[in-house]
Protein backbone atom coordinates (compact mmCIF):
# COMPACT_ATOMS: atom_id res chain seq x y z
CA UNK A 1 0.00 0.00 0.00
CA UNK A 2 2.75 2.42 0.88
CA UNK A 3 4.98 1.39 -2.00
CA UNK A 4 8.51 2.68 -1.45
CA UNK A 5 7.93 4.05 2.07
CA UNK A 6 10.06 2.25 4.59
CA UNK A 7 9.75 1.80 8.33
CA UNK A 8 11.81 4.89 9.17
CA UNK A 9 9.72 7.10 6.86
CA UNK A 10 6.50 5.91 8.51
CA UNK A 11 7.93 6.60 12.00
CA UNK A 12 9.01 10.08 10.85
CA UNK A 13 5.54 10.85 9.45
CA UNK A 14 3.89 9.60 12.66
CA UNK A 15 6.21 11.80 14.76
CA UNK A 16 5.37 14.88 12.67
CA UNK A 17 1.63 14.18 12.95
CA UNK A 18 2.02 13.73 16.71
CA UNK A 19 3.81 17.09 16.98
CA UNK A 20 1.23 18.90 14.86
CA UNK A 21 -1.97 17.51 16.38
CA UNK A 22 -0.81 16.44 19.84
CA UNK A 23 -1.51 13.22 21.68
CA UNK A 24 -5.04 14.26 22.68
CA UNK A 25 -6.20 14.91 19.13
CA UNK A 26 -4.92 11.67 17.55
CA UNK A 27 -7.91 9.53 18.64
CA UNK A 28 -10.31 12.16 17.30
CA UNK A 29 -8.34 12.41 14.07
CA UNK A 30 -8.38 8.64 13.64
CA UNK A 31 -12.11 8.52 14.38
CA UNK A 32 -12.81 11.24 11.81
CA UNK A 33 -10.80 9.46 9.13
CA UNK A 34 -12.55 6.18 9.93
CA UNK A 35 -16.00 7.77 9.68
CA UNK A 36 -15.07 9.43 6.41
CA UNK A 37 -13.93 6.14 4.89
CA UNK A 38 -17.04 4.34 6.19
CA UNK A 39 -19.32 7.06 4.78
CA UNK A 40 -17.57 6.91 1.41
CA UNK A 41 -17.96 3.13 1.19
CA UNK A 42 -21.62 3.37 2.21
CA UNK A 43 -22.37 6.00 -0.43
CA UNK A 44 -20.67 3.92 -3.14
CA UNK A 45 -22.75 0.86 -2.23
CA UNK A 46 -25.96 2.90 -1.98
CA UNK A 47 -25.33 4.42 -5.42
CA UNK A 48 -25.03 0.91 -6.88
CA UNK A 49 -28.24 -0.15 -5.13
CA UNK A 50 -30.12 2.93 -6.34
CA UNK A 51 -28.94 2.32 -9.91
CA UNK A 52 -30.04 -1.32 -9.80
CA UNK A 53 -33.42 -0.31 -8.34
CA UNK A 54 -33.95 2.32 -11.04
CA UNK A 55 -33.14 -0.18 -13.79
CA UNK A 56 -35.53 -2.74 -12.32
CA UNK A 57 -38.26 -0.13 -12.05
CA UNK A 58 -37.70 0.96 -15.65
CA UNK A 59 -37.95 -2.63 -16.86
CA UNK A 60 -41.15 -3.13 -14.85
CA UNK A 61 -42.65 0.01 -16.36
CA UNK A 62 -41.78 -1.16 -19.86
CA UNK A 63 -43.40 -4.52 -19.20
CA UNK A 64 -46.55 -2.84 -17.86
CA UNK A 65 -46.73 -0.58 -20.91
CA UNK A 66 -46.45 -3.60 -23.21
CA UNK A 67 -49.21 -5.43 -21.31
CA UNK A 68 -51.75 -2.55 -21.44
CA UNK A 69 -53.81 -2.67 -24.66
CA UNK A 70 -53.98 0.53 -26.65
CA UNK A 71 -57.40 2.23 -26.71
CA UNK A 72 -58.76 3.00 -30.13
CA UNK A 73 -60.32 6.34 -30.99
CA UNK A 74 -63.22 4.67 -32.84
CA UNK A 75 -65.26 4.45 -29.62
CA UNK A 76 -64.98 8.19 -29.13
CA UNK A 77 -66.00 9.06 -32.69
CA UNK A 78 -68.98 6.65 -32.54
CA UNK A 79 -70.55 8.70 -29.76
CA UNK A 80 -70.68 11.83 -31.88
CA UNK A 81 -69.58 15.35 -31.03
CA UNK A 82 -69.71 16.48 -27.44
CA UNK A 83 -71.89 19.58 -26.99
CA UNK A 84 -70.11 22.56 -25.52
CA UNK A 85 -72.10 24.92 -23.36
CA UNK A 86 -71.62 28.63 -24.05
CA UNK A 87 -70.97 30.83 -21.02
CA UNK A 88 -73.71 33.28 -20.12
CA UNK A 89 -73.18 36.94 -20.98
CA UNK A 90 -72.48 39.17 -17.98
CA UNK A 91 -75.49 41.16 -16.76
CA UNK A 92 -74.94 44.92 -16.85
CA UNK A 93 -76.79 47.04 -14.39
CA UNK A 94 -78.41 50.21 -15.63
CA UNK A 95 -77.61 52.50 -12.76
CA UNK A 96 -77.55 56.17 -13.56
CA UNK A 97 -76.29 58.65 -11.12
PDB file of N, CA and C in Angstrom:
ATOM      1  N   UNK A   1       0.821  -1.191   0.000  1.00  0.00           N
ATOM      2  CA  UNK A   1       0.000   0.000   0.000  1.00  0.00           C
ATOM      3  C   UNK A   1       0.864   1.253   0.000  1.00  0.00           C
ATOM      4  N   UNK A   2       1.922   1.237   0.773  1.00  0.00           N
ATOM      5  CA  UNK A   2       2.753   2.420   0.884  1.00  0.00           C
ATOM      6  C   UNK A   2       3.867   2.441  -0.159  1.00  0.00           C
ATOM      7  N   UNK A   3       4.004   1.406  -0.915  1.00  0.00           N
ATOM      8  CA  UNK A   3       4.984   1.390  -2.002  1.00  0.00           C
ATOM      9  C   UNK A   3       6.406   1.462  -1.497  1.00  0.00           C
ATOM     10  N   UNK A   4       7.085   2.567  -1.775  1.00  0.00           N
ATOM     11  CA  UNK A   4       8.507   2.679  -1.454  1.00  0.00           C
ATOM     12  C   UNK A   4       8.757   3.283  -0.067  1.00  0.00           C
ATOM     13  N   UNK A   5       7.719   3.518   0.721  1.00  0.00           N
ATOM     14  CA  UNK A   5       7.931   4.046   2.067  1.00  0.00           C
ATOM     15  C   UNK A   5       8.429   2.934   2.981  1.00  0.00           C
ATOM     16  N   UNK A   6       9.500   3.221   3.664  1.00  0.00           N
ATOM     17  CA  UNK A   6      10.062   2.252   4.591  1.00  0.00           C
ATOM     18  C   UNK A   6       9.591   2.500   6.004  1.00  0.00           C
ATOM     19  N   UNK A   7      10.132   1.704   6.930  1.00  0.00           N
ATOM     20  CA  UNK A   7       9.745   1.800   8.332  1.00  0.00           C
ATOM     21  C   UNK A   7      10.142   3.141   8.918  1.00  0.00           C
ATOM     22  N   UNK A   8      11.335   3.621   8.601  1.00  0.00           N
ATOM     23  CA  UNK A   8      11.805   4.891   9.165  1.00  0.00           C
ATOM     24  C   UNK A   8      10.974   6.073   8.662  1.00  0.00           C
ATOM     25  N   UNK A   9      10.548   6.023   7.396  1.00  0.00           N
ATOM     26  CA  UNK A   9       9.715   7.102   6.858  1.00  0.00           C
ATOM     27  C   UNK A   9       8.353   7.147   7.560  1.00  0.00           C
ATOM     28  N   UNK A  10       7.778   5.972   7.805  1.00  0.00           N
ATOM     29  CA  UNK A  10       6.496   5.914   8.506  1.00  0.00           C
ATOM     30  C   UNK A  10       6.613   6.445   9.938  1.00  0.00           C
ATOM     31  N   UNK A  11       7.706   6.106  10.637  1.00  0.00           N
ATOM     32  CA  UNK A  11       7.928   6.605  11.996  1.00  0.00           C
ATOM     33  C   UNK A  11       8.102   8.120  11.970  1.00  0.00           C
ATOM     34  N   UNK A  12       8.810   8.645  10.973  1.00  0.00           N
ATOM     35  CA  UNK A  12       9.009  10.081  10.850  1.00  0.00           C
ATOM     36  C   UNK A  12       7.678  10.806  10.600  1.00  0.00           C
ATOM     37  N   UNK A  13       6.859  10.257   9.736  1.00  0.00           N
ATOM     38  CA  UNK A  13       5.542  10.854   9.451  1.00  0.00           C
ATOM     39  C   UNK A  13       4.676  10.822  10.705  1.00  0.00           C
ATOM     40  N   UNK A  14       4.673   9.707  11.428  1.00  0.00           N
ATOM     41  CA  UNK A  14       3.894   9.600  12.658  1.00  0.00           C
ATOM     42  C   UNK A  14       4.359  10.615  13.707  1.00  0.00           C
ATOM     43  N   UNK A  15       5.669  10.834  13.812  1.00  0.00           N
ATOM     44  CA  UNK A  15       6.206  11.804  14.762  1.00  0.00           C
ATOM     45  C   UNK A  15       5.770  13.220  14.395  1.00  0.00           C
ATOM     46  N   UNK A  16       5.789  13.553  13.114  1.00  0.00           N
ATOM     47  CA  UNK A  16       5.366  14.882  12.673  1.00  0.00           C
ATOM     48  C   UNK A  16       3.882  15.089  12.956  1.00  0.00           C
ATOM     49  N   UNK A  17       3.064  14.086  12.680  1.00  0.00           N
ATOM     50  CA  UNK A  17       1.628  14.176  12.954  1.00  0.00           C
ATOM     51  C   UNK A  17       1.394  14.338  14.445  1.00  0.00           C
ATOM     52  N   UNK A  18       2.156  13.626  15.258  1.00  0.00           N
ATOM     53  CA  UNK A  18       2.022  13.732  16.710  1.00  0.00           C
ATOM     54  C   UNK A  18       2.384  15.136  17.189  1.00  0.00           C
ATOM     55  N   UNK A  19       3.420  15.734  16.606  1.00  0.00           N
ATOM     56  CA  UNK A  19       3.806  17.092  16.984  1.00  0.00           C
ATOM     57  C   UNK A  19       2.761  18.122  16.551  1.00  0.00           C
ATOM     58  N   UNK A  20       2.194  17.930  15.384  1.00  0.00           N
ATOM     59  CA  UNK A  20       1.226  18.903  14.864  1.00  0.00           C
ATOM     60  C   UNK A  20      -0.087  18.836  15.636  1.00  0.00           C
ATOM     61  N   UNK A  21      -0.636  17.643  15.792  1.00  0.00           N
ATOM     62  CA  UNK A  21      -1.971  17.508  16.384  1.00  0.00           C
ATOM     63  C   UNK A  21      -1.948  17.261  17.884  1.00  0.00           C
ATOM     64  N   UNK A  22      -0.884  16.745  18.423  1.00  0.00           N
ATOM     65  CA  UNK A  22      -0.810  16.440  19.839  1.00  0.00           C
ATOM     66  C   UNK A  22      -1.405  15.077  20.140  1.00  0.00           C
ATOM     67  N   UNK A  23      -1.079  14.559  21.303  1.00  0.00           N
ATOM     68  CA  UNK A  23      -1.514  13.216  21.681  1.00  0.00           C
ATOM     69  C   UNK A  23      -3.011  13.159  21.927  1.00  0.00           C
ATOM     70  N   UNK A  24      -3.608  14.238  22.387  1.00  0.00           N
ATOM     71  CA  UNK A  24      -5.043  14.256  22.683  1.00  0.00           C
ATOM     72  C   UNK A  24      -5.910  14.255  21.430  1.00  0.00           C
ATOM     73  N   UNK A  25      -5.403  14.800  20.349  1.00  0.00           N
ATOM     74  CA  UNK A  25      -6.201  14.911  19.128  1.00  0.00           C
ATOM     75  C   UNK A  25      -6.075  13.680  18.218  1.00  0.00           C
ATOM     76  N   UNK A  26      -5.102  12.841  18.429  1.00  0.00           N
ATOM     77  CA  UNK A  26      -4.916  11.674  17.554  1.00  0.00           C
ATOM     78  C   UNK A  26      -6.115  10.733  17.547  1.00  0.00           C
ATOM     79  N   UNK A  27      -6.725  10.391  18.695  1.00  0.00           N
ATOM     80  CA  UNK A  27      -7.910   9.526  18.636  1.00  0.00           C
ATOM     81  C   UNK A  27      -9.066  10.166  17.860  1.00  0.00           C
ATOM     82  N   UNK A  28      -9.252  11.479  18.036  1.00  0.00           N
ATOM     83  CA  UNK A  28     -10.307  12.165  17.302  1.00  0.00           C
ATOM     84  C   UNK A  28     -10.003  12.196  15.812  1.00  0.00           C
ATOM     85  N   UNK A  29      -8.747  12.392  15.479  1.00  0.00           N
ATOM     86  CA  UNK A  29      -8.341  12.414  14.070  1.00  0.00           C
ATOM     87  C   UNK A  29      -8.562  11.043  13.435  1.00  0.00           C
ATOM     88  N   UNK A  30      -8.167   9.990  14.150  1.00  0.00           N
ATOM     89  CA  UNK A  30      -8.381   8.635  13.637  1.00  0.00           C
ATOM     90  C   UNK A  30      -9.855   8.306  13.484  1.00  0.00           C
ATOM     91  N   UNK A  31     -10.674   8.757  14.447  1.00  0.00           N
ATOM     92  CA  UNK A  31     -12.114   8.521  14.378  1.00  0.00           C
ATOM     93  C   UNK A  31     -12.730   9.248  13.185  1.00  0.00           C
ATOM     94  N   UNK A  32     -12.297  10.475  12.946  1.00  0.00           N
ATOM     95  CA  UNK A  32     -12.807  11.243  11.811  1.00  0.00           C
ATOM     96  C   UNK A  32     -12.455  10.609  10.481  1.00  0.00           C
ATOM     97  N   UNK A  33     -11.219  10.132  10.367  1.00  0.00           N
ATOM     98  CA  UNK A  33     -10.798   9.464   9.128  1.00  0.00           C
ATOM     99  C   UNK A  33     -11.582   8.171   8.933  1.00  0.00           C
ATOM    100  N   UNK A  34     -11.777   7.427  10.020  1.00  0.00           N
ATOM    101  CA  UNK A  34     -12.550   6.177   9.927  1.00  0.00           C
ATOM    102  C   UNK A  34     -13.988   6.415   9.502  1.00  0.00           C
ATOM    103  N   UNK A  35     -14.625   7.447  10.063  1.00  0.00           N
ATOM    104  CA  UNK A  35     -16.002   7.774   9.681  1.00  0.00           C
ATOM    105  C   UNK A  35     -16.081   8.220   8.227  1.00  0.00           C
ATOM    106  N   UNK A  36     -15.073   8.965   7.798  1.00  0.00           N
ATOM    107  CA  UNK A  36     -15.066   9.430   6.412  1.00  0.00           C
ATOM    108  C   UNK A  36     -14.954   8.256   5.440  1.00  0.00           C
ATOM    109  N   UNK A  37     -14.092   7.325   5.752  1.00  0.00           N
ATOM    110  CA  UNK A  37     -13.926   6.143   4.886  1.00  0.00           C
ATOM    111  C   UNK A  37     -15.203   5.304   4.895  1.00  0.00           C
ATOM    112  N   UNK A  38     -15.794   5.122   6.071  1.00  0.00           N
ATOM    113  CA  UNK A  38     -17.035   4.342   6.186  1.00  0.00           C
ATOM    114  C   UNK A  38     -18.164   5.009   5.406  1.00  0.00           C
ATOM    115  N   UNK A  39     -18.288   6.333   5.516  1.00  0.00           N
ATOM    116  CA  UNK A  39     -19.319   7.060   4.779  1.00  0.00           C
ATOM    117  C   UNK A  39     -19.120   6.962   3.278  1.00  0.00           C
ATOM    118  N   UNK A  40     -17.866   7.022   2.837  1.00  0.00           N
ATOM    119  CA  UNK A  40     -17.573   6.906   1.413  1.00  0.00           C
ATOM    120  C   UNK A  40     -17.972   5.529   0.891  1.00  0.00           C
ATOM    121  N   UNK A  41     -17.602   4.485   1.610  1.00  0.00           N
ATOM    122  CA  UNK A  41     -17.956   3.130   1.186  1.00  0.00           C
ATOM    123  C   UNK A  41     -19.468   2.947   1.150  1.00  0.00           C
ATOM    124  N   UNK A  42     -20.158   3.492   2.145  1.00  0.00           N
ATOM    125  CA  UNK A  42     -21.622   3.372   2.207  1.00  0.00           C
ATOM    126  C   UNK A  42     -22.270   4.077   1.025  1.00  0.00           C
ATOM    127  N   UNK A  43     -21.779   5.259   0.690  1.00  0.00           N
ATOM    128  CA  UNK A  43     -22.366   6.001  -0.433  1.00  0.00           C
ATOM    129  C   UNK A  43     -22.111   5.306  -1.761  1.00  0.00           C
ATOM    130  N   UNK A  44     -20.965   4.658  -1.909  1.00  0.00           N
ATOM    131  CA  UNK A  44     -20.673   3.918  -3.139  1.00  0.00           C
ATOM    132  C   UNK A  44     -21.625   2.737  -3.275  1.00  0.00           C
ATOM    133  N   UNK A  45     -21.842   2.015  -2.181  1.00  0.00           N
ATOM    134  CA  UNK A  45     -22.750   0.860  -2.233  1.00  0.00           C
ATOM    135  C   UNK A  45     -24.202   1.294  -2.422  1.00  0.00           C
ATOM    136  N   UNK A  46     -24.599   2.408  -1.808  1.00  0.00           N
ATOM    137  CA  UNK A  46     -25.965   2.904  -1.984  1.00  0.00           C
ATOM    138  C   UNK A  46     -26.200   3.365  -3.416  1.00  0.00           C
ATOM    139  N   UNK A  47     -25.191   3.976  -4.028  1.00  0.00           N
ATOM    140  CA  UNK A  47     -25.332   4.417  -5.416  1.00  0.00           C
ATOM    141  C   UNK A  47     -25.548   3.220  -6.337  1.00  0.00           C
ATOM    142  N   UNK A  48     -24.834   2.129  -6.082  1.00  0.00           N
ATOM    143  CA  UNK A  48     -25.029   0.915  -6.880  1.00  0.00           C
ATOM    144  C   UNK A  48     -26.431   0.358  -6.667  1.00  0.00           C
ATOM    145  N   UNK A  49     -26.910   0.371  -5.426  1.00  0.00           N
ATOM    146  CA  UNK A  49     -28.244  -0.154  -5.129  1.00  0.00           C
ATOM    147  C   UNK A  49     -29.321   0.716  -5.757  1.00  0.00           C
ATOM    148  N   UNK A  50     -29.141   2.026  -5.741  1.00  0.00           N
ATOM    149  CA  UNK A  50     -30.119   2.931  -6.340  1.00  0.00           C
ATOM    150  C   UNK A  50     -30.160   2.740  -7.848  1.00  0.00           C
ATOM    151  N   UNK A  51     -28.992   2.577  -8.467  1.00  0.00           N
ATOM    152  CA  UNK A  51     -28.942   2.323  -9.912  1.00  0.00           C
ATOM    153  C   UNK A  51     -29.661   1.039 -10.274  1.00  0.00           C
ATOM    154  N   UNK A  52     -29.410  -0.029  -9.526  1.00  0.00           N
ATOM    155  CA  UNK A  52     -30.042  -1.316  -9.801  1.00  0.00           C
ATOM    156  C   UNK A  52     -31.556  -1.217  -9.614  1.00  0.00           C
ATOM    157  N   UNK A  53     -31.983  -0.482  -8.591  1.00  0.00           N
ATOM    158  CA  UNK A  53     -33.421  -0.314  -8.342  1.00  0.00           C
ATOM    159  C   UNK A  53     -34.074   0.482  -9.468  1.00  0.00           C
ATOM    160  N   UNK A  54     -33.403   1.507  -9.951  1.00  0.00           N
ATOM    161  CA  UNK A  54     -33.950   2.323 -11.038  1.00  0.00           C
ATOM    162  C   UNK A  54     -34.065   1.506 -12.326  1.00  0.00           C
ATOM    163  N   UNK A  55     -33.077   0.669 -12.593  1.00  0.00           N
ATOM    164  CA  UNK A  55     -33.136  -0.181 -13.786  1.00  0.00           C
ATOM    165  C   UNK A  55     -34.267  -1.188 -13.680  1.00  0.00           C
ATOM    166  N   UNK A  56     -34.451  -1.782 -12.507  1.00  0.00           N
ATOM    167  CA  UNK A  56     -35.531  -2.744 -12.319  1.00  0.00           C
ATOM    168  C   UNK A  56     -36.882  -2.072 -12.463  1.00  0.00           C
ATOM    169  N   UNK A  57     -37.002  -0.862 -11.937  1.00  0.00           N
ATOM    170  CA  UNK A  57     -38.260  -0.133 -12.045  1.00  0.00           C
ATOM    171  C   UNK A  57     -38.539   0.235 -13.496  1.00  0.00           C
ATOM    172  N   UNK A  58     -37.522   0.621 -14.244  1.00  0.00           N
ATOM    173  CA  UNK A  58     -37.702   0.965 -15.655  1.00  0.00           C
ATOM    174  C   UNK A  58     -38.134  -0.260 -16.457  1.00  0.00           C
ATOM    175  N   UNK A  59     -37.560  -1.406 -16.161  1.00  0.00           N
ATOM    176  CA  UNK A  59     -37.951  -2.630 -16.857  1.00  0.00           C
ATOM    177  C   UNK A  59     -39.382  -3.002 -16.510  1.00  0.00           C
ATOM    178  N   UNK A  60     -39.783  -2.834 -15.255  1.00  0.00           N
ATOM    179  CA  UNK A  60     -41.152  -3.132 -14.846  1.00  0.00           C
ATOM    180  C   UNK A  60     -42.145  -2.212 -15.528  1.00  0.00           C
ATOM    181  N   UNK A  61     -41.781  -0.938 -15.676  1.00  0.00           N
ATOM    182  CA  UNK A  61     -42.651   0.014 -16.355  1.00  0.00           C
ATOM    183  C   UNK A  61     -42.805  -0.345 -17.824  1.00  0.00           C
ATOM    184  N   UNK A  62     -41.714  -0.756 -18.454  1.00  0.00           N
ATOM    185  CA  UNK A  62     -41.775  -1.158 -19.864  1.00  0.00           C
ATOM    186  C   UNK A  62     -42.659  -2.385 -20.037  1.00  0.00           C
ATOM    187  N   UNK A  63     -42.578  -3.329 -19.104  1.00  0.00           N
ATOM    188  CA  UNK A  63     -43.405  -4.525 -19.196  1.00  0.00           C
ATOM    189  C   UNK A  63     -44.871  -4.174 -18.983  1.00  0.00           C
ATOM    190  N   UNK A  64     -45.168  -3.246 -18.087  1.00  0.00           N
ATOM    191  CA  UNK A  64     -46.548  -2.835 -17.865  1.00  0.00           C
ATOM    192  C   UNK A  64     -47.093  -2.120 -19.088  1.00  0.00           C
ATOM    193  N   UNK A  65     -46.281  -1.306 -19.728  1.00  0.00           N
ATOM    194  CA  UNK A  65     -46.728  -0.578 -20.911  1.00  0.00           C
ATOM    195  C   UNK A  65     -47.009  -1.556 -22.055  1.00  0.00           C
ATOM    196  N   UNK A  66     -46.241  -2.614 -22.153  1.00  0.00           N
ATOM    197  CA  UNK A  66     -46.454  -3.601 -23.206  1.00  0.00           C
ATOM    198  C   UNK A  66     -47.714  -4.421 -22.931  1.00  0.00           C
ATOM    199  N   UNK A  67     -48.064  -4.606 -21.658  1.00  0.00           N
ATOM    200  CA  UNK A  67     -49.214  -5.427 -21.311  1.00  0.00           C
ATOM    201  C   UNK A  67     -50.537  -4.668 -21.444  1.00  0.00           C
ATOM    202  N   UNK A  68     -50.526  -3.343 -21.362  1.00  0.00           N
ATOM    203  CA  UNK A  68     -51.750  -2.547 -21.437  1.00  0.00           C
ATOM    204  C   UNK A  68     -52.154  -2.395 -22.901  1.00  0.00           C
ATOM    205  N   UNK A  69     -53.383  -2.816 -23.264  1.00  0.00           N
ATOM    206  CA  UNK A  69     -53.807  -2.672 -24.658  1.00  0.00           C
ATOM    207  C   UNK A  69     -54.058  -1.206 -24.986  1.00  0.00           C
ATOM    208  N   UNK A  70     -53.784  -0.839 -26.205  1.00  0.00           N
ATOM    209  CA  UNK A  70     -53.982   0.534 -26.647  1.00  0.00           C
ATOM    210  C   UNK A  70     -55.455   0.778 -26.928  1.00  0.00           C
ATOM    211  N   UNK A  71     -56.007   1.896 -26.470  1.00  0.00           N
ATOM    212  CA  UNK A  71     -57.396   2.227 -26.711  1.00  0.00           C
ATOM    213  C   UNK A  71     -57.517   2.832 -28.107  1.00  0.00           C
ATOM    214  N   UNK A  72     -58.568   2.439 -28.795  1.00  0.00           N
ATOM    215  CA  UNK A  72     -58.764   3.001 -30.125  1.00  0.00           C
ATOM    216  C   UNK A  72     -59.650   4.230 -30.036  1.00  0.00           C
ATOM    217  N   UNK A  73     -59.527   5.122 -30.982  1.00  0.00           N
ATOM    218  CA  UNK A  73     -60.322   6.343 -30.985  1.00  0.00           C
ATOM    219  C   UNK A  73     -61.678   6.123 -31.645  1.00  0.00           C
ATOM    220  N   UNK A  74     -61.947   4.922 -32.166  1.00  0.00           N
ATOM    221  CA  UNK A  74     -63.215   4.670 -32.837  1.00  0.00           C
ATOM    222  C   UNK A  74     -64.388   4.724 -31.857  1.00  0.00           C
ATOM    223  N   UNK A  75     -64.177   4.382 -30.590  1.00  0.00           N
ATOM    224  CA  UNK A  75     -65.263   4.446 -29.619  1.00  0.00           C
ATOM    225  C   UNK A  75     -65.635   5.892 -29.326  1.00  0.00           C
ATOM    226  N   UNK A  76     -64.694   6.786 -29.382  1.00  0.00           N
ATOM    227  CA  UNK A  76     -64.979   8.194 -29.135  1.00  0.00           C
ATOM    228  C   UNK A  76     -65.739   8.791 -30.308  1.00  0.00           C
ATOM    229  N   UNK A  77     -65.343   8.478 -31.515  1.00  0.00           N
ATOM    230  CA  UNK A  77     -65.996   9.058 -32.685  1.00  0.00           C
ATOM    231  C   UNK A  77     -67.389   8.463 -32.897  1.00  0.00           C
ATOM    232  N   UNK A  78     -67.664   7.259 -32.378  1.00  0.00           N
ATOM    233  CA  UNK A  78     -68.976   6.647 -32.543  1.00  0.00           C
ATOM    234  C   UNK A  78     -70.018   7.354 -31.674  1.00  0.00           C
ATOM    235  N   UNK A  79     -69.609   8.021 -30.641  1.00  0.00           N
ATOM    236  CA  UNK A  79     -70.550   8.696 -29.761  1.00  0.00           C
ATOM    237  C   UNK A  79     -71.004  10.034 -30.336  1.00  0.00           C
ATOM    238  N   UNK A  80     -70.306  10.556 -31.273  1.00  0.00           N
ATOM    239  CA  UNK A  80     -70.683  11.833 -31.878  1.00  0.00           C
ATOM    240  C   UNK A  80     -69.998  12.983 -31.163  1.00  0.00           C
ATOM    241  N   UNK A  81     -70.239  14.198 -31.644  1.00  0.00           N
ATOM    242  CA  UNK A  81     -69.577  15.354 -31.034  1.00  0.00           C
ATOM    243  C   UNK A  81     -70.145  15.637 -29.652  1.00  0.00           C
ATOM    244  N   UNK A  82     -69.313  16.135 -28.802  1.00  0.00           N
ATOM    245  CA  UNK A  82     -69.709  16.475 -27.443  1.00  0.00           C
ATOM    246  C   UNK A  82     -70.175  17.929 -27.447  1.00  0.00           C
ATOM    247  N   UNK A  83     -71.418  18.199 -26.984  1.00  0.00           N
ATOM    248  CA  UNK A  83     -71.895  19.581 -26.986  1.00  0.00           C
ATOM    249  C   UNK A  83     -71.126  20.424 -25.974  1.00  0.00           C
ATOM    250  N   UNK A  84     -70.825  21.641 -26.390  1.00  0.00           N
ATOM    251  CA  UNK A  84     -70.105  22.563 -25.521  1.00  0.00           C
ATOM    252  C   UNK A  84     -71.057  23.668 -25.129  1.00  0.00           C
ATOM    253  N   UNK A  85     -71.173  23.923 -23.858  1.00  0.00           N
ATOM    254  CA  UNK A  85     -72.098  24.921 -23.357  1.00  0.00           C
ATOM    255  C   UNK A  85     -71.441  26.295 -23.416  1.00  0.00           C
ATOM    256  N   UNK A  86     -72.145  27.276 -23.946  1.00  0.00           N
ATOM    257  CA  UNK A  86     -71.624  28.632 -24.050  1.00  0.00           C
ATOM    258  C   UNK A  86     -71.805  29.340 -22.709  1.00  0.00           C
ATOM    259  N   UNK A  87     -70.822  30.105 -22.279  1.00  0.00           N
ATOM    260  CA  UNK A  87     -70.972  30.825 -21.019  1.00  0.00           C
ATOM    261  C   UNK A  87     -71.990  31.955 -21.167  1.00  0.00           C
ATOM    262  N   UNK A  88     -72.692  32.228 -20.101  1.00  0.00           N
ATOM    263  CA  UNK A  88     -73.714  33.279 -20.121  1.00  0.00           C
ATOM    264  C   UNK A  88     -73.049  34.644 -20.188  1.00  0.00           C
ATOM    265  N   UNK A  89     -73.710  35.582 -20.872  1.00  0.00           N
ATOM    266  CA  UNK A  89     -73.184  36.940 -20.983  1.00  0.00           C
ATOM    267  C   UNK A  89     -73.332  37.635 -19.644  1.00  0.00           C
ATOM    268  N   UNK A  90     -72.387  38.465 -19.268  1.00  0.00           N
ATOM    269  CA  UNK A  90     -72.480  39.169 -17.976  1.00  0.00           C
ATOM    270  C   UNK A  90     -73.655  40.161 -17.997  1.00  0.00           C
ATOM    271  N   UNK A  91     -74.350  40.263 -16.880  1.00  0.00           N
ATOM    272  CA  UNK A  91     -75.490  41.160 -16.757  1.00  0.00           C
ATOM    273  C   UNK A  91     -74.956  42.540 -16.358  1.00  0.00           C
ATOM    274  N   UNK A  92     -75.371  43.556 -17.141  1.00  0.00           N
ATOM    275  CA  UNK A  92     -74.941  44.923 -16.852  1.00  0.00           C
ATOM    276  C   UNK A  92     -76.075  45.649 -16.146  1.00  0.00           C
ATOM    277  N   UNK A  93     -75.772  46.298 -15.103  1.00  0.00           N
ATOM    278  CA  UNK A  93     -76.792  47.037 -14.386  1.00  0.00           C
ATOM    279  C   UNK A  93     -76.926  48.435 -15.005  1.00  0.00           C
ATOM    280  N   UNK A  94     -78.128  48.906 -15.029  1.00  0.00           N
ATOM    281  CA  UNK A  94     -78.412  50.208 -15.630  1.00  0.00           C
ATOM    282  C   UNK A  94     -78.567  51.243 -14.534  1.00  0.00           C
ATOM    283  N   UNK A  95     -77.522  51.511 -13.827  1.00  0.00           N
ATOM    284  CA  UNK A  95     -77.605  52.499 -12.764  1.00  0.00           C
ATOM    285  C   UNK A  95     -77.111  53.838 -13.297  1.00  0.00           C
ATOM    286  N   UNK A  96     -77.927  54.827 -13.112  1.00  0.00           N
ATOM    287  CA  UNK A  96     -77.547  56.167 -13.561  1.00  0.00           C
ATOM    288  C   UNK A  96     -77.473  57.071 -12.346  1.00  0.00           C
ATOM    289  N   UNK A  97     -76.486  57.851 -12.291  1.00  0.00           N
ATOM    290  CA  UNK A  97     -76.291  58.646 -11.120  1.00  0.00           C
ATOM    291  C   UNK A  97     -76.456  60.037 -11.241  1.00  0.00           C
TER     292      UNK A  97
END
